[in-house]
N, C-alpha and C. Protein backbone atom coordinates (compact mmCIF):
# COMPACT_ATOMS: atom_id res chain seq x y z
N UNK A 1 0.84 -1.19 0.00
CA UNK A 1 0.00 0.00 0.00
C UNK A 1 0.89 1.25 0.00
N UNK A 2 0.57 2.19 -0.86
CA UNK A 2 1.33 3.43 -0.95
C UNK A 2 1.13 4.22 0.34
N UNK A 3 2.22 4.66 0.97
CA UNK A 3 2.16 5.33 2.27
C UNK A 3 2.14 6.84 2.15
N UNK A 4 1.84 7.32 0.98
CA UNK A 4 1.75 8.77 0.77
C UNK A 4 0.46 9.28 1.41
N UNK A 5 0.43 10.58 1.67
CA UNK A 5 -0.81 11.17 2.20
C UNK A 5 -0.81 12.67 1.95
N UNK A 6 -2.01 13.20 1.88
CA UNK A 6 -2.17 14.65 1.71
C UNK A 6 -2.22 15.32 3.07
N UNK A 7 -1.64 16.51 3.13
CA UNK A 7 -1.67 17.32 4.36
C UNK A 7 -2.30 18.66 4.01
N UNK A 8 -3.32 19.04 4.76
CA UNK A 8 -4.01 20.32 4.56
C UNK A 8 -3.42 21.36 5.50
N UNK A 9 -3.01 22.49 4.95
CA UNK A 9 -2.46 23.57 5.76
C UNK A 9 -3.54 24.61 6.05
N UNK A 10 -3.35 25.35 7.12
CA UNK A 10 -4.28 26.41 7.50
C UNK A 10 -4.21 27.55 6.49
N UNK A 11 -5.29 28.30 6.42
CA UNK A 11 -5.34 29.48 5.55
C UNK A 11 -5.91 30.64 6.36
N UNK A 12 -5.25 31.77 6.29
CA UNK A 12 -5.74 33.00 6.91
C UNK A 12 -6.02 33.99 5.79
N UNK A 13 -7.22 34.56 5.82
CA UNK A 13 -7.63 35.48 4.76
C UNK A 13 -7.89 36.85 5.37
N UNK A 14 -7.39 37.85 4.67
CA UNK A 14 -7.80 39.21 5.03
C UNK A 14 -8.48 39.81 3.80
N UNK A 15 -8.68 41.08 3.79
CA UNK A 15 -9.42 41.73 2.71
C UNK A 15 -8.73 41.59 1.35
N UNK A 16 -7.40 41.58 1.35
CA UNK A 16 -6.68 41.62 0.08
C UNK A 16 -5.92 40.36 -0.29
N UNK A 17 -5.71 39.44 0.66
CA UNK A 17 -4.83 38.31 0.34
C UNK A 17 -5.08 37.11 1.24
N UNK A 18 -4.33 36.05 0.96
CA UNK A 18 -4.34 34.83 1.76
C UNK A 18 -2.94 34.60 2.30
N UNK A 19 -2.87 33.95 3.46
CA UNK A 19 -1.59 33.59 4.05
C UNK A 19 -1.69 32.13 4.50
N UNK A 20 -0.72 31.31 4.09
CA UNK A 20 -0.69 29.91 4.50
C UNK A 20 0.64 29.64 5.17
N UNK A 21 0.65 29.52 6.49
CA UNK A 21 1.90 29.19 7.19
C UNK A 21 2.13 27.68 7.16
N UNK A 22 3.39 27.31 7.15
CA UNK A 22 3.77 25.90 7.27
C UNK A 22 4.70 25.82 8.48
N UNK A 23 4.22 25.16 9.53
CA UNK A 23 5.00 25.04 10.76
C UNK A 23 5.46 23.61 10.93
N UNK A 24 6.62 23.44 11.54
CA UNK A 24 7.19 22.09 11.67
C UNK A 24 6.27 21.13 12.42
N UNK A 25 5.42 21.63 13.30
CA UNK A 25 4.51 20.73 14.04
C UNK A 25 3.46 20.09 13.12
N UNK A 26 3.27 20.65 11.92
CA UNK A 26 2.32 20.09 10.96
C UNK A 26 2.98 19.10 10.00
N UNK A 27 4.29 19.04 10.02
CA UNK A 27 5.02 18.22 9.06
C UNK A 27 5.44 16.89 9.67
N UNK A 28 5.54 15.85 8.84
CA UNK A 28 5.96 14.54 9.35
C UNK A 28 7.48 14.41 9.48
N UNK A 29 8.22 15.51 9.34
CA UNK A 29 9.68 15.50 9.47
C UNK A 29 10.19 16.92 9.66
N UNK A 30 11.45 17.03 10.08
CA UNK A 30 12.12 18.33 10.19
C UNK A 30 12.73 18.66 8.83
N UNK A 31 12.53 19.86 8.37
CA UNK A 31 13.00 20.28 7.04
C UNK A 31 14.48 20.67 7.09
N UNK A 32 15.25 20.09 6.15
CA UNK A 32 16.65 20.45 5.99
C UNK A 32 16.94 21.09 4.64
N UNK A 33 16.03 20.87 3.68
CA UNK A 33 16.27 21.41 2.34
C UNK A 33 14.95 21.81 1.72
N UNK A 34 14.98 22.92 1.00
CA UNK A 34 13.81 23.43 0.28
C UNK A 34 14.25 23.78 -1.12
N UNK A 35 13.47 23.36 -2.11
CA UNK A 35 13.75 23.78 -3.49
C UNK A 35 12.42 23.86 -4.24
N UNK A 36 12.45 24.54 -5.37
CA UNK A 36 11.24 24.61 -6.18
C UNK A 36 11.59 24.46 -7.65
N UNK A 37 10.61 23.93 -8.38
CA UNK A 37 10.75 23.66 -9.80
C UNK A 37 9.74 24.53 -10.53
N UNK A 38 10.21 25.26 -11.53
CA UNK A 38 9.32 26.16 -12.26
C UNK A 38 9.82 26.32 -13.69
N UNK A 39 9.08 27.06 -14.50
CA UNK A 39 9.42 27.27 -15.91
C UNK A 39 9.39 25.95 -16.68
N UNK A 40 8.42 25.12 -16.35
CA UNK A 40 8.22 23.82 -16.98
C UNK A 40 6.99 23.93 -17.87
N UNK A 41 7.08 23.40 -19.06
CA UNK A 41 5.94 23.44 -19.98
C UNK A 41 4.92 22.36 -19.62
N UNK A 42 3.66 22.65 -19.88
CA UNK A 42 2.61 21.66 -19.68
C UNK A 42 2.96 20.42 -20.50
N UNK A 43 2.80 19.26 -19.88
CA UNK A 43 3.12 18.00 -20.55
C UNK A 43 4.48 17.45 -20.16
N UNK A 44 5.35 18.30 -19.59
CA UNK A 44 6.67 17.83 -19.17
C UNK A 44 6.55 16.99 -17.90
N UNK A 45 7.49 16.08 -17.74
CA UNK A 45 7.50 15.16 -16.60
C UNK A 45 8.81 15.33 -15.85
N UNK A 46 8.72 15.39 -14.54
CA UNK A 46 9.90 15.46 -13.66
C UNK A 46 9.83 14.30 -12.68
N UNK A 47 10.87 14.15 -11.89
CA UNK A 47 10.91 13.07 -10.91
C UNK A 47 11.36 11.79 -11.59
N UNK A 48 10.56 10.75 -11.45
CA UNK A 48 10.91 9.47 -12.05
C UNK A 48 12.06 8.82 -11.30
N UNK A 49 11.97 8.87 -9.97
CA UNK A 49 12.99 8.26 -9.12
C UNK A 49 12.40 8.06 -7.72
N UNK A 50 13.19 7.43 -6.87
CA UNK A 50 12.82 7.30 -5.47
C UNK A 50 14.04 7.66 -4.63
N UNK A 51 13.81 7.82 -3.36
CA UNK A 51 14.88 8.07 -2.40
C UNK A 51 14.94 6.90 -1.43
N UNK A 52 16.15 6.51 -1.07
CA UNK A 52 16.32 5.42 -0.11
C UNK A 52 15.92 5.85 1.30
N UNK A 53 16.26 7.09 1.67
CA UNK A 53 16.00 7.57 3.03
C UNK A 53 15.24 8.90 3.11
N UNK A 54 15.34 9.71 2.10
CA UNK A 54 14.78 11.07 2.14
C UNK A 54 13.25 11.07 2.09
N UNK A 55 12.67 11.87 2.97
CA UNK A 55 11.22 12.12 2.97
C UNK A 55 11.00 13.47 2.32
N UNK A 56 9.89 13.60 1.58
CA UNK A 56 9.60 14.86 0.91
C UNK A 56 8.14 15.26 1.07
N UNK A 57 7.91 16.55 0.98
CA UNK A 57 6.57 17.09 0.93
C UNK A 57 6.49 17.96 -0.32
N UNK A 58 5.55 17.65 -1.21
CA UNK A 58 5.38 18.36 -2.47
C UNK A 58 4.18 19.29 -2.36
N UNK A 59 4.37 20.55 -2.75
CA UNK A 59 3.28 21.53 -2.72
C UNK A 59 3.26 22.26 -4.05
N UNK A 60 2.11 22.24 -4.70
CA UNK A 60 1.95 22.99 -5.95
C UNK A 60 1.54 24.41 -5.59
N UNK A 61 2.47 25.34 -5.72
CA UNK A 61 2.19 26.73 -5.37
C UNK A 61 1.32 27.42 -6.41
N UNK A 62 1.43 26.95 -7.65
CA UNK A 62 0.69 27.57 -8.75
C UNK A 62 0.53 26.53 -9.85
N UNK A 63 -0.60 26.56 -10.55
CA UNK A 63 -0.82 25.66 -11.67
C UNK A 63 -1.45 24.35 -11.25
N UNK A 64 -1.06 23.28 -11.96
CA UNK A 64 -1.66 21.97 -11.72
C UNK A 64 -0.62 20.90 -12.06
N UNK A 65 -0.43 19.96 -11.12
CA UNK A 65 0.56 18.90 -11.29
C UNK A 65 -0.07 17.58 -10.85
N UNK A 66 0.01 16.59 -11.73
CA UNK A 66 -0.41 15.23 -11.35
C UNK A 66 0.84 14.52 -10.84
N UNK A 67 0.73 13.90 -9.66
CA UNK A 67 1.84 13.15 -9.08
C UNK A 67 1.42 11.68 -9.02
N UNK A 68 2.24 10.83 -9.62
CA UNK A 68 2.00 9.39 -9.58
C UNK A 68 2.98 8.80 -8.58
N UNK A 69 2.45 8.15 -7.54
CA UNK A 69 3.26 7.52 -6.50
C UNK A 69 3.11 6.01 -6.61
N UNK A 70 4.23 5.32 -6.54
CA UNK A 70 4.27 3.88 -6.76
C UNK A 70 5.16 3.24 -5.69
N UNK A 71 4.59 2.34 -4.90
CA UNK A 71 5.39 1.66 -3.88
C UNK A 71 5.93 0.31 -4.36
N UNK A 72 5.79 0.06 -5.65
CA UNK A 72 6.24 -1.20 -6.24
C UNK A 72 5.13 -2.22 -6.38
N UNK A 73 4.02 -1.98 -5.70
CA UNK A 73 2.87 -2.88 -5.78
C UNK A 73 1.61 -2.13 -6.21
N UNK A 74 1.45 -0.91 -5.66
CA UNK A 74 0.26 -0.10 -5.91
C UNK A 74 0.68 1.27 -6.40
N UNK A 75 -0.03 1.77 -7.42
CA UNK A 75 0.19 3.15 -7.89
C UNK A 75 -1.01 3.98 -7.47
N UNK A 76 -0.72 5.21 -7.07
CA UNK A 76 -1.79 6.13 -6.67
C UNK A 76 -1.52 7.48 -7.31
N UNK A 77 -2.56 8.08 -7.87
CA UNK A 77 -2.46 9.39 -8.52
C UNK A 77 -3.02 10.48 -7.63
N UNK A 78 -2.33 11.60 -7.61
CA UNK A 78 -2.79 12.79 -6.89
C UNK A 78 -2.76 13.97 -7.84
N UNK A 79 -3.71 14.86 -7.68
CA UNK A 79 -3.68 16.13 -8.41
C UNK A 79 -3.40 17.22 -7.39
N UNK A 80 -2.28 17.91 -7.58
CA UNK A 80 -1.93 19.05 -6.73
C UNK A 80 -2.23 20.31 -7.51
N UNK A 81 -3.10 21.16 -6.96
CA UNK A 81 -3.48 22.38 -7.67
C UNK A 81 -3.84 23.52 -6.73
N UNK A 82 -3.45 23.39 -5.46
CA UNK A 82 -3.74 24.45 -4.50
C UNK A 82 -2.60 24.54 -3.49
N UNK A 83 -2.15 25.75 -3.17
CA UNK A 83 -0.99 25.90 -2.28
C UNK A 83 -1.24 25.58 -0.81
N UNK A 84 -2.44 25.14 -0.47
CA UNK A 84 -2.72 24.76 0.92
C UNK A 84 -2.70 23.25 1.13
N UNK A 85 -2.34 22.52 0.08
CA UNK A 85 -2.30 21.05 0.15
C UNK A 85 -0.89 20.58 -0.14
N UNK A 86 -0.36 19.74 0.74
CA UNK A 86 0.95 19.13 0.52
C UNK A 86 0.81 17.63 0.40
N UNK A 87 1.66 17.03 -0.42
CA UNK A 87 1.68 15.58 -0.58
C UNK A 87 2.95 15.03 0.06
N UNK A 88 2.78 14.23 1.10
CA UNK A 88 3.91 13.59 1.76
C UNK A 88 4.31 12.35 0.97
N UNK A 89 5.60 12.30 0.61
CA UNK A 89 6.16 11.15 -0.12
C UNK A 89 7.29 10.56 0.73
N UNK A 90 7.06 9.39 1.34
CA UNK A 90 8.09 8.78 2.18
C UNK A 90 9.18 8.12 1.32
N UNK A 91 10.25 7.66 1.95
CA UNK A 91 11.29 6.94 1.22
C UNK A 91 10.72 5.69 0.54
N UNK A 92 11.39 5.28 -0.51
CA UNK A 92 11.06 4.07 -1.28
C UNK A 92 9.66 4.11 -1.89
N UNK A 93 9.23 5.30 -2.27
CA UNK A 93 8.04 5.47 -3.10
C UNK A 93 8.51 6.18 -4.37
N UNK A 94 8.32 5.53 -5.50
CA UNK A 94 8.68 6.07 -6.80
C UNK A 94 7.68 7.17 -7.14
N UNK A 95 8.17 8.38 -7.37
CA UNK A 95 7.27 9.51 -7.64
C UNK A 95 7.62 10.18 -8.97
N UNK A 96 6.58 10.46 -9.74
CA UNK A 96 6.72 11.14 -11.02
C UNK A 96 5.74 12.30 -11.05
N UNK A 97 6.22 13.48 -11.43
CA UNK A 97 5.36 14.65 -11.49
C UNK A 97 5.09 15.01 -12.95
N UNK A 98 3.80 15.09 -13.29
CA UNK A 98 3.35 15.42 -14.63
C UNK A 98 2.79 16.85 -14.59
N UNK A 99 3.54 17.79 -15.13
CA UNK A 99 3.12 19.19 -15.11
C UNK A 99 2.00 19.37 -16.13
N UNK A 100 0.88 19.93 -15.67
CA UNK A 100 -0.30 20.03 -16.53
C UNK A 100 -0.66 21.45 -16.91
N UNK A 101 0.13 22.41 -16.45
CA UNK A 101 -0.09 23.81 -16.82
C UNK A 101 1.28 24.49 -16.94
N UNK A 102 1.41 25.37 -17.91
CA UNK A 102 2.68 26.05 -18.16
C UNK A 102 3.18 26.87 -16.98
N UNK A 103 2.28 27.36 -16.16
CA UNK A 103 2.67 28.25 -15.06
C UNK A 103 2.87 27.52 -13.74
N UNK A 104 2.97 26.20 -13.74
CA UNK A 104 3.06 25.43 -12.50
C UNK A 104 4.38 25.67 -11.77
N UNK A 105 4.27 25.74 -10.46
CA UNK A 105 5.44 25.85 -9.58
C UNK A 105 5.30 24.79 -8.50
N UNK A 106 6.32 23.93 -8.40
CA UNK A 106 6.32 22.87 -7.40
C UNK A 106 7.36 23.18 -6.34
N UNK A 107 6.90 23.30 -5.09
CA UNK A 107 7.77 23.50 -3.94
C UNK A 107 7.99 22.15 -3.28
N UNK A 108 9.26 21.85 -2.94
CA UNK A 108 9.59 20.57 -2.30
C UNK A 108 10.33 20.85 -1.01
N UNK A 109 9.83 20.27 0.08
CA UNK A 109 10.49 20.31 1.37
C UNK A 109 11.05 18.91 1.62
N UNK A 110 12.30 18.82 2.07
CA UNK A 110 12.94 17.52 2.27
C UNK A 110 13.59 17.45 3.64
N UNK A 111 13.69 16.24 4.17
CA UNK A 111 14.29 16.06 5.50
C UNK A 111 15.78 15.74 5.45
N UNK A 112 16.36 15.70 4.26
CA UNK A 112 17.79 15.42 4.09
C UNK A 112 18.41 16.46 3.16
N UNK A 113 19.69 16.69 3.34
CA UNK A 113 20.43 17.51 2.40
C UNK A 113 20.62 16.70 1.13
N UNK A 114 20.91 17.37 0.04
CA UNK A 114 21.11 16.67 -1.23
C UNK A 114 22.24 15.65 -1.10
N UNK A 115 21.95 14.41 -1.56
CA UNK A 115 22.93 13.34 -1.54
C UNK A 115 22.61 12.43 -2.72
N UNK A 116 23.42 12.50 -3.76
CA UNK A 116 23.18 11.71 -4.98
C UNK A 116 23.04 10.22 -4.68
N UNK A 117 23.76 9.72 -3.68
CA UNK A 117 23.72 8.28 -3.38
C UNK A 117 22.38 7.85 -2.77
N UNK A 118 21.53 8.80 -2.38
CA UNK A 118 20.21 8.47 -1.83
C UNK A 118 19.18 8.19 -2.93
N UNK A 119 19.50 8.52 -4.17
CA UNK A 119 18.57 8.37 -5.29
C UNK A 119 18.66 6.98 -5.91
N UNK A 120 17.51 6.47 -6.35
CA UNK A 120 17.45 5.32 -7.25
C UNK A 120 16.72 5.81 -8.49
N UNK A 121 17.43 5.83 -9.63
CA UNK A 121 16.86 6.32 -10.89
C UNK A 121 16.39 5.19 -11.80
N UNK A 122 16.72 3.97 -11.47
CA UNK A 122 16.37 2.82 -12.31
C UNK A 122 15.20 2.07 -11.65
N UNK A 123 14.05 2.05 -12.34
CA UNK A 123 12.85 1.43 -11.77
C UNK A 123 13.07 -0.04 -11.45
N UNK A 124 13.81 -0.73 -12.30
CA UNK A 124 14.09 -2.14 -12.08
C UNK A 124 14.86 -2.35 -10.77
N UNK A 125 15.85 -1.49 -10.50
CA UNK A 125 16.62 -1.57 -9.25
C UNK A 125 15.74 -1.24 -8.05
N UNK A 126 14.83 -0.28 -8.23
CA UNK A 126 13.87 0.06 -7.18
C UNK A 126 13.04 -1.16 -6.82
N UNK A 127 12.51 -1.84 -7.81
CA UNK A 127 11.66 -3.01 -7.58
C UNK A 127 12.44 -4.13 -6.87
N UNK A 128 13.73 -4.24 -7.18
CA UNK A 128 14.57 -5.27 -6.54
C UNK A 128 14.78 -4.97 -5.05
N UNK A 129 14.76 -3.69 -4.66
CA UNK A 129 15.04 -3.31 -3.28
C UNK A 129 13.83 -3.37 -2.36
N UNK A 130 12.65 -3.45 -2.93
CA UNK A 130 11.45 -3.45 -2.07
C UNK A 130 11.00 -4.86 -1.71
């Protein structure tokens, strides 16, 4: 069973804008790295790998992104299209992001610093490890 899950963040609205705080008490891990992906054309695909140890939270700040999560047995699709929803992706879940709008921005929070050796880019090797 895919162990991913959606996390809903609070929203505060005033007359002119919205504010969505993300506090560590709402997250399933302590954040060590933050990055974002943007300037991607609709139809482009990112990801296509898993992490051995790294946990991630994906948030679509703008646009629309379909995320396919695969634990080697079950695949589950999510549509991220609102900045108040985060998708938790634990280690050893193969994740692929399908950008569905030209203006999409994907924010990623991670519990590990970048480490190339934590990645598995070959689906066959991923399946062998689970």
